[in-house]
């Protein structure tokens, strides 16, 4: 799917206030240009088939175990290491 859609349609969605506040905080923090852009990307991600290699699945299982133990890495740390280098 393209990152910008030329053939679009307006959709009205009711979202509770707490979720909307979290969305607004996140799209700004993540560098999206607008709430709409963020929501469109979230929708694309939700419907896109995810295909993972066996090593990626193994890494996810390890990560799940680490999370159960309370061992987390902040999103900002991940962005710095993998996206901003």
Protein backbone atom coordinates (compact mmCIF):
# COMPACT_ATOMS: atom_id res chain seq x y z
CA UNK A 1 0.00 0.00 0.00
CA UNK A 2 1.27 3.48 -0.71
CA UNK A 3 2.33 5.72 2.15
CA UNK A 4 0.04 8.46 0.79
CA UNK A 5 -3.38 7.51 -0.48
CA UNK A 6 -4.83 9.49 -3.38
CA UNK A 7 -8.24 7.81 -3.39
CA UNK A 8 -9.52 8.38 0.13
CA UNK A 9 -12.81 8.42 2.00
CA UNK A 10 -13.69 10.10 5.28
CA UNK A 11 -14.52 7.79 8.17
CA UNK A 12 -15.92 8.90 11.53
CA UNK A 13 -14.76 6.93 14.56
CA UNK A 14 -15.62 7.42 18.21
CA UNK A 15 -12.59 7.07 20.49
CA UNK A 16 -12.62 7.54 24.25
CA UNK A 17 -10.79 10.56 25.62
CA UNK A 18 -7.96 8.64 27.28
CA UNK A 19 -7.12 6.77 24.09
CA UNK A 20 -7.29 9.97 22.03
CA UNK A 21 -4.90 11.69 24.44
CA UNK A 22 -2.49 8.75 24.12
CA UNK A 23 -2.79 8.88 20.32
CA UNK A 24 -2.08 12.62 20.29
CA UNK A 25 0.92 12.23 22.56
CA UNK A 26 2.27 9.36 20.46
CA UNK A 27 1.91 10.86 16.98
CA UNK A 28 3.73 13.98 18.07
CA UNK A 29 6.47 12.04 19.85
CA UNK A 30 6.92 9.65 16.92
CA UNK A 31 7.29 12.47 14.39
CA UNK A 32 4.08 12.08 12.40
CA UNK A 33 2.77 15.25 10.75
CA UNK A 34 -0.78 14.80 12.02
CA UNK A 35 -3.15 12.63 13.99
CA UNK A 36 -4.74 11.48 10.71
CA UNK A 37 -1.39 10.39 9.29
CA UNK A 38 -0.68 8.40 12.45
CA UNK A 39 -4.09 6.71 12.43
CA UNK A 40 -3.79 5.87 8.70
CA UNK A 41 -0.41 4.23 9.33
CA UNK A 42 -1.77 2.32 12.32
CA UNK A 43 -4.60 1.02 10.12
CA UNK A 44 -2.14 -0.02 7.39
CA UNK A 45 -0.03 -1.83 9.95
CA UNK A 46 -3.10 -3.59 11.36
CA UNK A 47 -4.18 -5.06 8.01
CA UNK A 48 -0.75 -5.82 6.57
CA UNK A 49 0.30 -9.47 6.72
CA UNK A 50 3.33 -9.88 8.91
CA UNK A 51 5.83 -12.48 7.83
CA UNK A 52 8.62 -13.34 10.22
CA UNK A 53 11.59 -15.63 9.86
CA UNK A 54 12.12 -18.42 12.38
CA UNK A 55 14.99 -16.45 13.94
CA UNK A 56 12.73 -13.41 14.33
CA UNK A 57 10.09 -15.56 16.01
CA UNK A 58 12.75 -16.99 18.33
CA UNK A 59 13.85 -13.46 19.22
CA UNK A 60 10.25 -12.53 19.99
CA UNK A 61 9.94 -15.48 22.35
CA UNK A 62 13.11 -14.42 24.14
CA UNK A 63 11.76 -10.86 24.34
CA UNK A 64 8.49 -12.11 25.79
CA UNK A 65 10.37 -13.95 28.52
CA UNK A 66 12.44 -10.84 29.27
CA UNK A 67 9.27 -8.75 29.48
CA UNK A 68 7.76 -11.21 31.96
CA UNK A 69 10.86 -10.63 34.10
CA UNK A 70 10.43 -6.85 33.84
CA UNK A 71 13.42 -6.36 31.52
CA UNK A 72 12.32 -3.67 29.05
CA UNK A 73 13.98 -1.33 26.58
CA UNK A 74 12.39 2.07 26.06
CA UNK A 75 11.14 2.91 22.56
CA UNK A 76 13.42 5.96 22.47
CA UNK A 77 16.47 3.71 23.02
CA UNK A 78 15.40 1.48 20.14
CA UNK A 79 14.89 4.47 17.85
CA UNK A 80 18.30 5.87 18.73
CA UNK A 81 20.06 2.56 18.12
CA UNK A 82 18.31 1.40 14.98
CA UNK A 83 16.64 4.35 13.26
CA UNK A 84 18.78 7.38 13.95
CA UNK A 85 22.23 6.00 13.23
